[in-house]
């Protein structure tokens, strides 16, 4: 299992990706964090910008499929997409998560409104 992290300067893109992941049963437990402050070093000076981050849990075997799907959807300005391994998980949640992807269970979208 992996944790997807998708970052974009476009709130609409992040919300569209969330919709794709849920409707196509590619991920569960989605969260959108709004208006995060990103700090970068550009030409020796710090620059800050606002970004939106989507996180979701999925199977590691689905990463390639998700990546291809997002590349097809966003042919220009693909958001930053990467994954982190989930090394450990509460034993009570393991069966819920492993049975959720590709199941008929209704998957909820949790949106954190950090405004």
PDB file of N, CA and C in Angstrom:
ATOM      1  N   UNK A   1       0.848  -1.171   0.000  1.00  0.00           N
ATOM      2  CA  UNK A   1       0.000   0.000   0.000  1.00  0.00           C
ATOM      3  C   UNK A   1       0.895   1.237   0.000  1.00  0.00           C
ATOM      4  N   UNK A   2       0.440   2.263  -0.714  1.00  0.00           N
ATOM      5  CA  UNK A   2       1.200   3.508  -0.800  1.00  0.00           C
ATOM      6  C   UNK A   2       0.295   4.701  -0.493  1.00  0.00           C
ATOM      7  N   UNK A   3       0.940   5.805  -0.177  1.00  0.00           N
ATOM      8  CA  UNK A   3       0.250   7.068   0.009  1.00  0.00           C
ATOM      9  C   UNK A   3       0.586   7.938  -1.194  1.00  0.00           C
ATOM     10  N   UNK A   4      -0.416   8.249  -2.003  1.00  0.00           N
ATOM     11  CA  UNK A   4      -0.226   9.153  -3.133  1.00  0.00           C
ATOM     12  C   UNK A   4      -0.186  10.586  -2.624  1.00  0.00           C
ATOM     13  N   UNK A   5       0.695  11.385  -3.202  1.00  0.00           N
ATOM     14  CA  UNK A   5       0.744  12.824  -2.911  1.00  0.00           C
ATOM     15  C   UNK A   5       0.755  13.540  -4.250  1.00  0.00           C
ATOM     16  N   UNK A   6      -0.274  14.314  -4.472  1.00  0.00           N
ATOM     17  CA  UNK A   6      -0.419  15.032  -5.733  1.00  0.00           C
ATOM     18  C   UNK A   6      -0.525  16.514  -5.403  1.00  0.00           C
ATOM     19  N   UNK A   7       0.354  17.316  -5.997  1.00  0.00           N
ATOM     20  CA  UNK A   7       0.420  18.741  -5.680  1.00  0.00           C
ATOM     21  C   UNK A   7       0.250  19.550  -6.959  1.00  0.00           C
ATOM     22  N   UNK A   8      -0.578  20.596  -6.868  1.00  0.00           N
ATOM     23  CA  UNK A   8      -0.813  21.460  -8.012  1.00  0.00           C
ATOM     24  C   UNK A   8      -1.112  22.875  -7.536  1.00  0.00           C
ATOM     25  N   UNK A   9      -0.837  23.840  -8.379  1.00  0.00           N
ATOM     26  CA  UNK A   9      -1.223  25.220  -8.070  1.00  0.00           C
ATOM     27  C   UNK A   9      -2.686  25.449  -8.431  1.00  0.00           C
ATOM     28  N   UNK A  10      -3.316  24.455  -9.051  1.00  0.00           N
ATOM     29  CA  UNK A  10      -4.711  24.559  -9.480  1.00  0.00           C
ATOM     30  C   UNK A  10      -5.632  23.718  -8.590  1.00  0.00           C
ATOM     31  N   UNK A  11      -6.530  24.391  -7.906  1.00  0.00           N
ATOM     32  CA  UNK A  11      -7.501  23.695  -7.060  1.00  0.00           C
ATOM     33  C   UNK A  11      -8.430  22.828  -7.915  1.00  0.00           C
ATOM     34  N   UNK A  12      -8.805  23.316  -9.088  1.00  0.00           N
ATOM     35  CA  UNK A  12      -9.694  22.561  -9.978  1.00  0.00           C
ATOM     36  C   UNK A  12      -9.058  21.242 -10.421  1.00  0.00           C
ATOM     37  N   UNK A  13      -7.761  21.274 -10.708  1.00  0.00           N
ATOM     38  CA  UNK A  13      -7.067  20.038 -11.109  1.00  0.00           C
ATOM     39  C   UNK A  13      -7.073  19.018  -9.986  1.00  0.00           C
ATOM     40  N   UNK A  14      -6.787  19.465  -8.783  1.00  0.00           N
ATOM     41  CA  UNK A  14      -6.756  18.557  -7.635  1.00  0.00           C
ATOM     42  C   UNK A  14      -8.137  17.945  -7.410  1.00  0.00           C
ATOM     43  N   UNK A  15      -9.173  18.742  -7.524  1.00  0.00           N
ATOM     44  CA  UNK A  15     -10.529  18.226  -7.347  1.00  0.00           C
ATOM     45  C   UNK A  15     -10.909  17.270  -8.475  1.00  0.00           C
ATOM     46  N   UNK A  16     -10.479  17.542  -9.695  1.00  0.00           N
ATOM     47  CA  UNK A  16     -10.745  16.650 -10.827  1.00  0.00           C
ATOM     48  C   UNK A  16     -10.021  15.315 -10.628  1.00  0.00           C
ATOM     49  N   UNK A  17      -8.794  15.368 -10.158  1.00  0.00           N
ATOM     50  CA  UNK A  17      -8.045  14.138  -9.892  1.00  0.00           C
ATOM     51  C   UNK A  17      -8.734  13.316  -8.804  1.00  0.00           C
ATOM     52  N   UNK A  18      -9.213  13.970  -7.768  1.00  0.00           N
ATOM     53  CA  UNK A  18      -9.936  13.264  -6.705  1.00  0.00           C
ATOM     54  C   UNK A  18     -11.149  12.543  -7.279  1.00  0.00           C
ATOM     55  N   UNK A  19     -11.867  13.209  -8.150  1.00  0.00           N
ATOM     56  CA  UNK A  19     -13.041  12.617  -8.788  1.00  0.00           C
ATOM     57  C   UNK A  19     -12.658  11.388  -9.614  1.00  0.00           C
ATOM     58  N   UNK A  20     -11.587  11.499 -10.385  1.00  0.00           N
ATOM     59  CA  UNK A  20     -11.109  10.375 -11.210  1.00  0.00           C
ATOM     60  C   UNK A  20     -10.736   9.181 -10.329  1.00  0.00           C
ATOM     61  N   UNK A  21      -9.947   9.441  -9.293  1.00  0.00           N
ATOM     62  CA  UNK A  21      -9.475   8.357  -8.423  1.00  0.00           C
ATOM     63  C   UNK A  21     -10.631   7.628  -7.754  1.00  0.00           C
ATOM     64  N   UNK A  22     -11.640   8.380  -7.320  1.00  0.00           N
ATOM     65  CA  UNK A  22     -12.783   7.750  -6.661  1.00  0.00           C
ATOM     66  C   UNK A  22     -13.682   7.011  -7.641  1.00  0.00           C
ATOM     67  N   UNK A  23     -14.067   7.665  -8.724  1.00  0.00           N
ATOM     68  CA  UNK A  23     -15.000   7.061  -9.676  1.00  0.00           C
ATOM     69  C   UNK A  23     -14.425   5.822 -10.348  1.00  0.00           C
ATOM     70  N   UNK A  24     -13.102   5.799 -10.525  1.00  0.00           N
ATOM     71  CA  UNK A  24     -12.466   4.653 -11.182  1.00  0.00           C
ATOM     72  C   UNK A  24     -11.898   3.647 -10.178  1.00  0.00           C
ATOM     73  N   UNK A  25     -12.255   3.798  -8.909  1.00  0.00           N
ATOM     74  CA  UNK A  25     -11.810   2.882  -7.843  1.00  0.00           C
ATOM     75  C   UNK A  25     -10.301   2.696  -7.819  1.00  0.00           C
ATOM     76  N   UNK A  26      -9.573   3.786  -7.956  1.00  0.00           N
ATOM     77  CA  UNK A  26      -8.117   3.718  -7.968  1.00  0.00           C
ATOM     78  C   UNK A  26      -7.496   4.062  -6.619  1.00  0.00           C
ATOM     79  N   UNK A  27      -8.280   4.639  -5.707  1.00  0.00           N
ATOM     80  CA  UNK A  27      -7.741   5.030  -4.400  1.00  0.00           C
ATOM     81  C   UNK A  27      -8.870   5.182  -3.394  1.00  0.00           C
ATOM     82  N   UNK A  28      -8.483   5.209  -2.130  1.00  0.00           N
ATOM     83  CA  UNK A  28      -9.434   5.419  -1.039  1.00  0.00           C
ATOM     84  C   UNK A  28      -8.881   6.485  -0.099  1.00  0.00           C
ATOM     85  N   UNK A  29      -9.707   6.941   0.813  1.00  0.00           N
ATOM     86  CA  UNK A  29      -9.316   7.897   1.858  1.00  0.00           C
ATOM     87  C   UNK A  29      -8.629   9.136   1.298  1.00  0.00           C
ATOM     88  N   UNK A  30      -9.311   9.825   0.422  1.00  0.00           N
ATOM     89  CA  UNK A  30      -8.751  11.023  -0.195  1.00  0.00           C
ATOM     90  C   UNK A  30      -8.922  12.234   0.715  1.00  0.00           C
ATOM     91  N   UNK A  31      -7.911  13.071   0.727  1.00  0.00           N
ATOM     92  CA  UNK A  31      -7.944  14.319   1.479  1.00  0.00           C
ATOM     93  C   UNK A  31      -7.375  15.422   0.604  1.00  0.00           C
ATOM     94  N   UNK A  32      -8.007  16.579   0.631  1.00  0.00           N
ATOM     95  CA  UNK A  32      -7.493  17.734  -0.093  1.00  0.00           C
ATOM     96  C   UNK A  32      -7.114  18.796   0.926  1.00  0.00           C
ATOM     97  N   UNK A  33      -5.875  19.220   0.863  1.00  0.00           N
ATOM     98  CA  UNK A  33      -5.407  20.311   1.712  1.00  0.00           C
ATOM     99  C   UNK A  33      -5.306  21.543   0.829  1.00  0.00           C
ATOM    100  N   UNK A  34      -5.983  22.580   1.238  1.00  0.00           N
ATOM    101  CA  UNK A  34      -6.100  23.783   0.423  1.00  0.00           C
ATOM    102  C   UNK A  34      -5.120  24.869   0.850  1.00  0.00           C
ATOM    103  N   UNK A  35      -4.645  25.574  -0.137  1.00  0.00           N
ATOM    104  CA  UNK A  35      -3.810  26.752   0.050  1.00  0.00           C
ATOM    105  C   UNK A  35      -2.638  26.531   1.014  1.00  0.00           C
ATOM    106  N   UNK A  36      -1.846  25.525   0.710  1.00  0.00           N
ATOM    107  CA  UNK A  36      -0.622  25.290   1.465  1.00  0.00           C
ATOM    108  C   UNK A  36       0.450  26.260   0.977  1.00  0.00           C
ATOM    109  N   UNK A  37       1.309  26.657   1.853  1.00  0.00           N
ATOM    110  CA  UNK A  37       2.395  27.550   1.464  1.00  0.00           C
ATOM    111  C   UNK A  37       3.605  26.714   1.088  1.00  0.00           C
ATOM    112  N   UNK A  38       4.084  26.874  -0.146  1.00  0.00           N
ATOM    113  CA  UNK A  38       5.274  26.177  -0.624  1.00  0.00           C
ATOM    114  C   UNK A  38       6.391  27.209  -0.728  1.00  0.00           C
ATOM    115  N   UNK A  39       7.543  26.844  -0.214  1.00  0.00           N
ATOM    116  CA  UNK A  39       8.707  27.735  -0.267  1.00  0.00           C
ATOM    117  C   UNK A  39       9.775  27.065  -1.108  1.00  0.00           C
ATOM    118  N   UNK A  40      10.262  27.783  -2.115  1.00  0.00           N
ATOM    119  CA  UNK A  40      11.280  27.266  -3.031  1.00  0.00           C
ATOM    120  C   UNK A  40      12.448  28.228  -3.089  1.00  0.00           C
ATOM    121  N   UNK A  41      13.583  27.719  -3.505  1.00  0.00           N
ATOM    122  CA  UNK A  41      14.758  28.551  -3.714  1.00  0.00           C
ATOM    123  C   UNK A  41      14.907  28.767  -5.223  1.00  0.00           C
ATOM    124  N   UNK A  42      14.790  30.019  -5.654  1.00  0.00           N
ATOM    125  CA  UNK A  42      14.867  30.377  -7.066  1.00  0.00           C
ATOM    126  C   UNK A  42      15.935  31.447  -7.235  1.00  0.00           C
ATOM    127  N   UNK A  43      16.979  31.131  -7.991  1.00  0.00           N
ATOM    128  CA  UNK A  43      18.091  32.068  -8.222  1.00  0.00           C
ATOM    129  C   UNK A  43      18.656  32.616  -6.915  1.00  0.00           C
ATOM    130  N   UNK A  44      18.776  31.738  -5.929  1.00  0.00           N
ATOM    131  CA  UNK A  44      19.364  32.133  -4.657  1.00  0.00           C
ATOM    132  C   UNK A  44      18.427  32.868  -3.714  1.00  0.00           C
ATOM    133  N   UNK A  45      17.175  33.061  -4.120  1.00  0.00           N
ATOM    134  CA  UNK A  45      16.208  33.759  -3.271  1.00  0.00           C
ATOM    135  C   UNK A  45      15.024  32.847  -2.982  1.00  0.00           C
ATOM    136  N   UNK A  46      14.457  32.996  -1.797  1.00  0.00           N
ATOM    137  CA  UNK A  46      13.282  32.195  -1.462  1.00  0.00           C
ATOM    138  C   UNK A  46      12.044  32.803  -2.102  1.00  0.00           C
ATOM    139  N   UNK A  47      11.198  31.925  -2.589  1.00  0.00           N
ATOM    140  CA  UNK A  47       9.956  32.328  -3.233  1.00  0.00           C
ATOM    141  C   UNK A  47       8.843  31.473  -2.649  1.00  0.00           C
ATOM    142  N   UNK A  48       7.756  32.103  -2.258  1.00  0.00           N
ATOM    143  CA  UNK A  48       6.637  31.329  -1.723  1.00  0.00           C
ATOM    144  C   UNK A  48       5.464  31.375  -2.701  1.00  0.00           C
ATOM    145  N   UNK A  49       4.715  30.281  -2.709  1.00  0.00           N
ATOM    146  CA  UNK A  49       3.526  30.187  -3.562  1.00  0.00           C
ATOM    147  C   UNK A  49       2.492  29.326  -2.846  1.00  0.00           C
ATOM    148  N   UNK A  50       1.250  29.420  -3.307  1.00  0.00           N
ATOM    149  CA  UNK A  50       0.179  28.602  -2.740  1.00  0.00           C
ATOM    150  C   UNK A  50      -0.034  27.386  -3.626  1.00  0.00           C
ATOM    151  N   UNK A  51      -0.167  26.221  -2.993  1.00  0.00           N
ATOM    152  CA  UNK A  51      -0.440  24.984  -3.711  1.00  0.00           C
ATOM    153  C   UNK A  51      -1.563  24.231  -3.017  1.00  0.00           C
ATOM    154  N   UNK A  52      -2.098  23.257  -3.721  1.00  0.00           N
ATOM    155  CA  UNK A  52      -3.153  22.386  -3.197  1.00  0.00           C
ATOM    156  C   UNK A  52      -2.616  20.967  -3.244  1.00  0.00           C
ATOM    157  N   UNK A  53      -2.837  20.202  -2.163  1.00  0.00           N
ATOM    158  CA  UNK A  53      -2.289  18.845  -2.097  1.00  0.00           C
ATOM    159  C   UNK A  53      -3.406  17.839  -1.866  1.00  0.00           C
ATOM    160  N   UNK A  54      -3.376  16.798  -2.679  1.00  0.00           N
ATOM    161  CA  UNK A  54      -4.289  15.675  -2.552  1.00  0.00           C
ATOM    162  C   UNK A  54      -3.492  14.486  -2.045  1.00  0.00           C
ATOM    163  N   UNK A  55      -3.980  13.832  -1.012  1.00  0.00           N
ATOM    164  CA  UNK A  55      -3.365  12.586  -0.553  1.00  0.00           C
ATOM    165  C   UNK A  55      -4.421  11.488  -0.635  1.00  0.00           C
ATOM    166  N   UNK A  56      -3.964  10.273  -0.895  1.00  0.00           N
ATOM    167  CA  UNK A  56      -4.873   9.135  -0.993  1.00  0.00           C
ATOM    168  C   UNK A  56      -4.092   7.851  -0.776  1.00  0.00           C
ATOM    169  N   UNK A  57      -4.780   6.837  -0.299  1.00  0.00           N
ATOM    170  CA  UNK A  57      -4.170   5.517  -0.142  1.00  0.00           C
ATOM    171  C   UNK A  57      -4.567   4.664  -1.347  1.00  0.00           C
ATOM    172  N   UNK A  58      -3.625   3.852  -1.818  1.00  0.00           N
ATOM    173  CA  UNK A  58      -3.899   2.946  -2.920  1.00  0.00           C
ATOM    174  C   UNK A  58      -2.920   1.777  -2.883  1.00  0.00           C
ATOM    175  N   UNK A  59      -3.132   0.837  -3.763  1.00  0.00           N
ATOM    176  CA  UNK A  59      -2.204  -0.286  -3.904  1.00  0.00           C
ATOM    177  C   UNK A  59      -1.026   0.166  -4.751  1.00  0.00           C
ATOM    178  N   UNK A  60       0.166  -0.278  -4.391  1.00  0.00           N
ATOM    179  CA  UNK A  60       1.353   0.133  -5.152  1.00  0.00           C
ATOM    180  C   UNK A  60       1.286  -0.342  -6.603  1.00  0.00           C
ATOM    181  N   UNK A  61       0.623  -1.460  -6.855  1.00  0.00           N
ATOM    182  CA  UNK A  61       0.490  -1.968  -8.222  1.00  0.00           C
ATOM    183  C   UNK A  61      -0.353  -1.048  -9.101  1.00  0.00           C
ATOM    184  N   UNK A  62      -1.116  -0.149  -8.500  1.00  0.00           N
ATOM    185  CA  UNK A  62      -1.954   0.761  -9.275  1.00  0.00           C
ATOM    186  C   UNK A  62      -1.251   2.057  -9.665  1.00  0.00           C
ATOM    187  N   UNK A  63      -0.045   2.294  -9.143  1.00  0.00           N
ATOM    188  CA  UNK A  63       0.611   3.577  -9.409  1.00  0.00           C
ATOM    189  C   UNK A  63       0.803   3.821 -10.907  1.00  0.00           C
ATOM    190  N   UNK A  64       1.259   2.838 -11.637  1.00  0.00           N
ATOM    191  CA  UNK A  64       1.473   3.008 -13.085  1.00  0.00           C
ATOM    192  C   UNK A  64       0.168   3.339 -13.795  1.00  0.00           C
ATOM    193  N   UNK A  65      -0.899   2.659 -13.422  1.00  0.00           N
ATOM    194  CA  UNK A  65      -2.212   2.909 -14.032  1.00  0.00           C
ATOM    195  C   UNK A  65      -2.680   4.334 -13.716  1.00  0.00           C
ATOM    196  N   UNK A  66      -2.494   4.758 -12.475  1.00  0.00           N
ATOM    197  CA  UNK A  66      -2.875   6.116 -12.074  1.00  0.00           C
ATOM    198  C   UNK A  66      -2.048   7.138 -12.843  1.00  0.00           C
ATOM    199  N   UNK A  67      -0.750   6.893 -12.939  1.00  0.00           N
ATOM    200  CA  UNK A  67       0.144   7.813 -13.643  1.00  0.00           C
ATOM    201  C   UNK A  67      -0.255   7.944 -15.116  1.00  0.00           C
ATOM    202  N   UNK A  68      -0.538   6.826 -15.770  1.00  0.00           N
ATOM    203  CA  UNK A  68      -0.964   6.863 -17.173  1.00  0.00           C
ATOM    204  C   UNK A  68      -2.288   7.602 -17.326  1.00  0.00           C
ATOM    205  N   UNK A  69      -3.211   7.347 -16.413  1.00  0.00           N
ATOM    206  CA  UNK A  69      -4.538   7.979 -16.473  1.00  0.00           C
ATOM    207  C   UNK A  69      -4.418   9.493 -16.317  1.00  0.00           C
ATOM    208  N   UNK A  70      -3.584   9.934 -15.376  1.00  0.00           N
ATOM    209  CA  UNK A  70      -3.422  11.373 -15.159  1.00  0.00           C
ATOM    210  C   UNK A  70      -2.670  12.029 -16.312  1.00  0.00           C
ATOM    211  N   UNK A  71      -1.704  11.332 -16.898  1.00  0.00           N
ATOM    212  CA  UNK A  71      -1.007  11.862 -18.075  1.00  0.00           C
ATOM    213  C   UNK A  71      -1.961  12.006 -19.261  1.00  0.00           C
ATOM    214  N   UNK A  72      -2.909  11.098 -19.388  1.00  0.00           N
ATOM    215  CA  UNK A  72      -3.898  11.189 -20.464  1.00  0.00           C
ATOM    216  C   UNK A  72      -4.870  12.346 -20.225  1.00  0.00           C
ATOM    217  N   UNK A  73      -5.236  12.561 -18.981  1.00  0.00           N
ATOM    218  CA  UNK A  73      -6.191  13.625 -18.619  1.00  0.00           C
ATOM    219  C   UNK A  73      -5.563  15.010 -18.700  1.00  0.00           C
ATOM    220  N   UNK A  74      -4.317  15.113 -18.256  1.00  0.00           N
ATOM    221  CA  UNK A  74      -3.637  16.411 -18.190  1.00  0.00           C
ATOM    222  C   UNK A  74      -2.412  16.384 -19.104  1.00  0.00           C
ATOM    223  N   UNK A  75      -2.642  16.619 -20.380  1.00  0.00           N
ATOM    224  CA  UNK A  75      -1.548  16.561 -21.354  1.00  0.00           C
ATOM    225  C   UNK A  75      -0.585  17.731 -21.197  1.00  0.00           C
ATOM    226  N   UNK A  76      -1.056  18.812 -20.590  1.00  0.00           N
ATOM    227  CA  UNK A  76      -0.198  19.958 -20.306  1.00  0.00           C
ATOM    228  C   UNK A  76      -0.255  20.251 -18.815  1.00  0.00           C
ATOM    229  N   UNK A  77       0.864  20.607 -18.244  1.00  0.00           N
ATOM    230  CA  UNK A  77       0.947  20.979 -16.821  1.00  0.00           C
ATOM    231  C   UNK A  77       0.436  19.885 -15.891  1.00  0.00           C
ATOM    232  N   UNK A  78       0.962  18.684 -16.072  1.00  0.00           N
ATOM    233  CA  UNK A  78       0.614  17.585 -15.170  1.00  0.00           C
ATOM    234  C   UNK A  78       1.036  17.952 -13.749  1.00  0.00           C
ATOM    235  N   UNK A  79       0.137  17.801 -12.779  1.00  0.00           N
ATOM    236  CA  UNK A  79       0.527  18.073 -11.394  1.00  0.00           C
ATOM    237  C   UNK A  79       1.654  17.149 -10.936  1.00  0.00           C
ATOM    238  N   UNK A  80       2.331  17.547  -9.901  1.00  0.00           N
ATOM    239  CA  UNK A  80       3.397  16.741  -9.293  1.00  0.00           C
ATOM    240  C   UNK A  80       2.752  15.518  -8.646  1.00  0.00           C
ATOM    241  N   UNK A  81       3.178  14.330  -9.059  1.00  0.00           N
ATOM    242  CA  UNK A  81       2.606  13.081  -8.551  1.00  0.00           C
ATOM    243  C   UNK A  81       3.741  12.193  -8.041  1.00  0.00           C
ATOM    244  N   UNK A  82       3.652  11.779  -6.781  1.00  0.00           N
ATOM    245  CA  UNK A  82       4.611  10.806  -6.269  1.00  0.00           C
ATOM    246  C   UNK A  82       3.948   9.983  -5.174  1.00  0.00           C
ATOM    247  N   UNK A  83       4.626   8.932  -4.751  1.00  0.00           N
ATOM    248  CA  UNK A  83       4.062   8.024  -3.760  1.00  0.00           C
ATOM    249  C   UNK A  83       5.072   7.724  -2.670  1.00  0.00           C
ATOM    250  N   UNK A  84       4.541   7.490  -1.497  1.00  0.00           N
ATOM    251  CA  UNK A  84       5.346   7.094  -0.340  1.00  0.00           C
ATOM    252  C   UNK A  84       4.840   5.738   0.143  1.00  0.00           C
ATOM    253  N   UNK A  85       5.734   4.826   0.486  1.00  0.00           N
ATOM    254  CA  UNK A  85       5.269   3.524   0.976  1.00  0.00           C
ATOM    255  C   UNK A  85       4.630   3.647   2.354  1.00  0.00           C
ATOM    256  N   UNK A  86       3.569   2.901   2.562  1.00  0.00           N
ATOM    257  CA  UNK A  86       2.979   2.798   3.898  1.00  0.00           C
ATOM    258  C   UNK A  86       3.616   1.563   4.510  1.00  0.00           C
ATOM    259  N   UNK A  87       4.493   1.783   5.463  1.00  0.00           N
ATOM    260  CA  UNK A  87       5.303   0.718   6.030  1.00  0.00           C
ATOM    261  C   UNK A  87       4.542  -0.073   7.082  1.00  0.00           C
ATOM    262  N   UNK A  88       3.709   0.596   7.837  1.00  0.00           N
ATOM    263  CA  UNK A  88       2.967  -0.073   8.905  1.00  0.00           C
ATOM    264  C   UNK A  88       1.575   0.525   8.973  1.00  0.00           C
ATOM    265  N   UNK A  89       0.627  -0.249   9.490  1.00  0.00           N
ATOM    266  CA  UNK A  89      -0.757   0.183   9.545  1.00  0.00           C
ATOM    267  C   UNK A  89      -1.437  -0.511  10.714  1.00  0.00           C
ATOM    268  N   UNK A  90      -2.349   0.174  11.352  1.00  0.00           N
ATOM    269  CA  UNK A  90      -3.126  -0.404  12.448  1.00  0.00           C
ATOM    270  C   UNK A  90      -3.799  -1.686  11.961  1.00  0.00           C
ATOM    271  N   UNK A  91      -3.595  -2.772  12.670  1.00  0.00           N
ATOM    272  CA  UNK A  91      -4.111  -4.072  12.244  1.00  0.00           C
ATOM    273  C   UNK A  91      -5.623  -4.068  12.017  1.00  0.00           C
ATOM    274  N   UNK A  92      -6.364  -3.285  12.770  1.00  0.00           N
ATOM    275  CA  UNK A  92      -7.821  -3.223  12.608  1.00  0.00           C
ATOM    276  C   UNK A  92      -8.214  -2.612  11.271  1.00  0.00           C
ATOM    277  N   UNK A  93      -7.355  -1.782  10.691  1.00  0.00           N
ATOM    278  CA  UNK A  93      -7.658  -1.119   9.427  1.00  0.00           C
ATOM    279  C   UNK A  93      -7.210  -1.913   8.203  1.00  0.00           C
ATOM    280  N   UNK A  94      -6.304  -2.858   8.387  1.00  0.00           N
ATOM    281  CA  UNK A  94      -5.719  -3.566   7.250  1.00  0.00           C
ATOM    282  C   UNK A  94      -6.786  -4.226   6.385  1.00  0.00           C
ATOM    283  N   UNK A  95      -7.708  -4.971   6.973  1.00  0.00           N
ATOM    284  CA  UNK A  95      -8.717  -5.662   6.165  1.00  0.00           C
ATOM    285  C   UNK A  95      -9.675  -4.684   5.506  1.00  0.00           C
ATOM    286  N   UNK A  96      -9.969  -3.591   6.178  1.00  0.00           N
ATOM    287  CA  UNK A  96     -10.851  -2.581   5.586  1.00  0.00           C
ATOM    288  C   UNK A  96     -10.213  -2.008   4.332  1.00  0.00           C
ATOM    289  N   UNK A  97      -8.930  -1.615   4.426  1.00  0.00           N
ATOM    290  CA  UNK A  97      -8.257  -1.021   3.281  1.00  0.00           C
ATOM    291  C   UNK A  97      -8.030  -2.030   2.172  1.00  0.00           C
ATOM    292  N   UNK A  98      -7.609  -3.223   2.505  1.00  0.00           N
ATOM    293  CA  UNK A  98      -7.293  -4.193   1.453  1.00  0.00           C
ATOM    294  C   UNK A  98      -8.547  -4.638   0.710  1.00  0.00           C
ATOM    295  N   UNK A  99      -9.699  -4.581   1.355  1.00  0.00           N
ATOM    296  CA  UNK A  99     -10.934  -4.972   0.690  1.00  0.00           C
ATOM    297  C   UNK A  99     -11.651  -3.800   0.023  1.00  0.00           C
ATOM    298  N   UNK A 100     -11.223  -2.572   0.301  1.00  0.00           N
ATOM    299  CA  UNK A 100     -11.951  -1.409  -0.203  1.00  0.00           C
ATOM    300  C   UNK A 100     -11.714  -1.130  -1.682  1.00  0.00           C
ATOM    301  N   UNK A 101     -10.479  -1.183  -2.124  1.00  0.00           N
ATOM    302  CA  UNK A 101     -10.201  -0.884  -3.521  1.00  0.00           C
ATOM    303  C   UNK A 101     -10.734  -2.036  -4.366  1.00  0.00           C
ATOM    304  N   UNK A 102     -11.471  -1.722  -5.403  1.00  0.00           N
ATOM    305  CA  UNK A 102     -12.143  -2.661  -6.303  1.00  0.00           C
ATOM    306  C   UNK A 102     -13.379  -3.303  -5.680  1.00  0.00           C
ATOM    307  N   UNK A 103     -13.859  -2.783  -4.565  1.00  0.00           N
ATOM    308  CA  UNK A 103     -15.057  -3.372  -3.964  1.00  0.00           C
ATOM    309  C   UNK A 103     -16.271  -2.521  -4.310  1.00  0.00           C
ATOM    310  N   UNK A 104     -17.410  -2.968  -3.883  1.00  0.00           N
ATOM    311  CA  UNK A 104     -18.647  -2.221  -4.120  1.00  0.00           C
ATOM    312  C   UNK A 104     -18.979  -1.279  -2.971  1.00  0.00           C
ATOM    313  N   UNK A 105     -18.087  -1.183  -1.987  1.00  0.00           N
ATOM    314  CA  UNK A 105     -18.326  -0.269  -0.880  1.00  0.00           C
ATOM    315  C   UNK A 105     -18.319   1.160  -1.381  1.00  0.00           C
ATOM    316  N   UNK A 106     -19.125   1.980  -0.777  1.00  0.00           N
ATOM    317  CA  UNK A 106     -19.113   3.396  -1.121  1.00  0.00           C
ATOM    318  C   UNK A 106     -17.871   4.016  -0.501  1.00  0.00           C
ATOM    319  N   UNK A 107     -17.114   4.773  -1.293  1.00  0.00           N
ATOM    320  CA  UNK A 107     -15.890   5.396  -0.815  1.00  0.00           C
ATOM    321  C   UNK A 107     -16.147   6.880  -0.623  1.00  0.00           C
ATOM    322  N   UNK A 108     -15.836   7.368   0.552  1.00  0.00           N
ATOM    323  CA  UNK A 108     -16.121   8.766   0.867  1.00  0.00           C
ATOM    324  C   UNK A 108     -14.934   9.652   0.543  1.00  0.00           C
ATOM    325  N   UNK A 109     -15.225  10.854   0.102  1.00  0.00           N
ATOM    326  CA  UNK A 109     -14.195  11.866  -0.134  1.00  0.00           C
ATOM    327  C   UNK A 109     -14.210  12.809   1.045  1.00  0.00           C
ATOM    328  N   UNK A 110     -13.097  12.876   1.748  1.00  0.00           N
ATOM    329  CA  UNK A 110     -12.971  13.771   2.887  1.00  0.00           C
ATOM    330  C   UNK A 110     -12.194  14.996   2.433  1.00  0.00           C
ATOM    331  N   UNK A 111     -12.785  16.138   2.572  1.00  0.00           N
ATOM    332  CA  UNK A 111     -12.140  17.358   2.159  1.00  0.00           C
ATOM    333  C   UNK A 111     -11.891  18.207   3.395  1.00  0.00           C
ATOM    334  N   UNK A 112     -10.634  18.494   3.662  1.00  0.00           N
ATOM    335  CA  UNK A 112     -10.337  19.356   4.792  1.00  0.00           C
ATOM    336  C   UNK A 112     -10.320  20.789   4.293  1.00  0.00           C
ATOM    337  N   UNK A 113     -11.101  21.608   4.900  1.00  0.00           N
ATOM    338  CA  UNK A 113     -11.221  22.999   4.464  1.00  0.00           C
ATOM    339  C   UNK A 113     -10.291  23.868   5.284  1.00  0.00           C
ATOM    340  N   UNK A 114      -9.076  23.977   4.829  1.00  0.00           N
ATOM    341  CA  UNK A 114      -8.064  24.776   5.503  1.00  0.00           C
ATOM    342  C   UNK A 114      -8.010  26.160   4.873  1.00  0.00           C
ATOM    343  N   UNK A 115      -9.015  26.936   5.071  1.00  0.00           N
ATOM    344  CA  UNK A 115      -9.067  28.278   4.459  1.00  0.00           C
ATOM    345  C   UNK A 115      -8.800  29.336   5.480  1.00  0.00           C
TER     346      UNK A 115
END
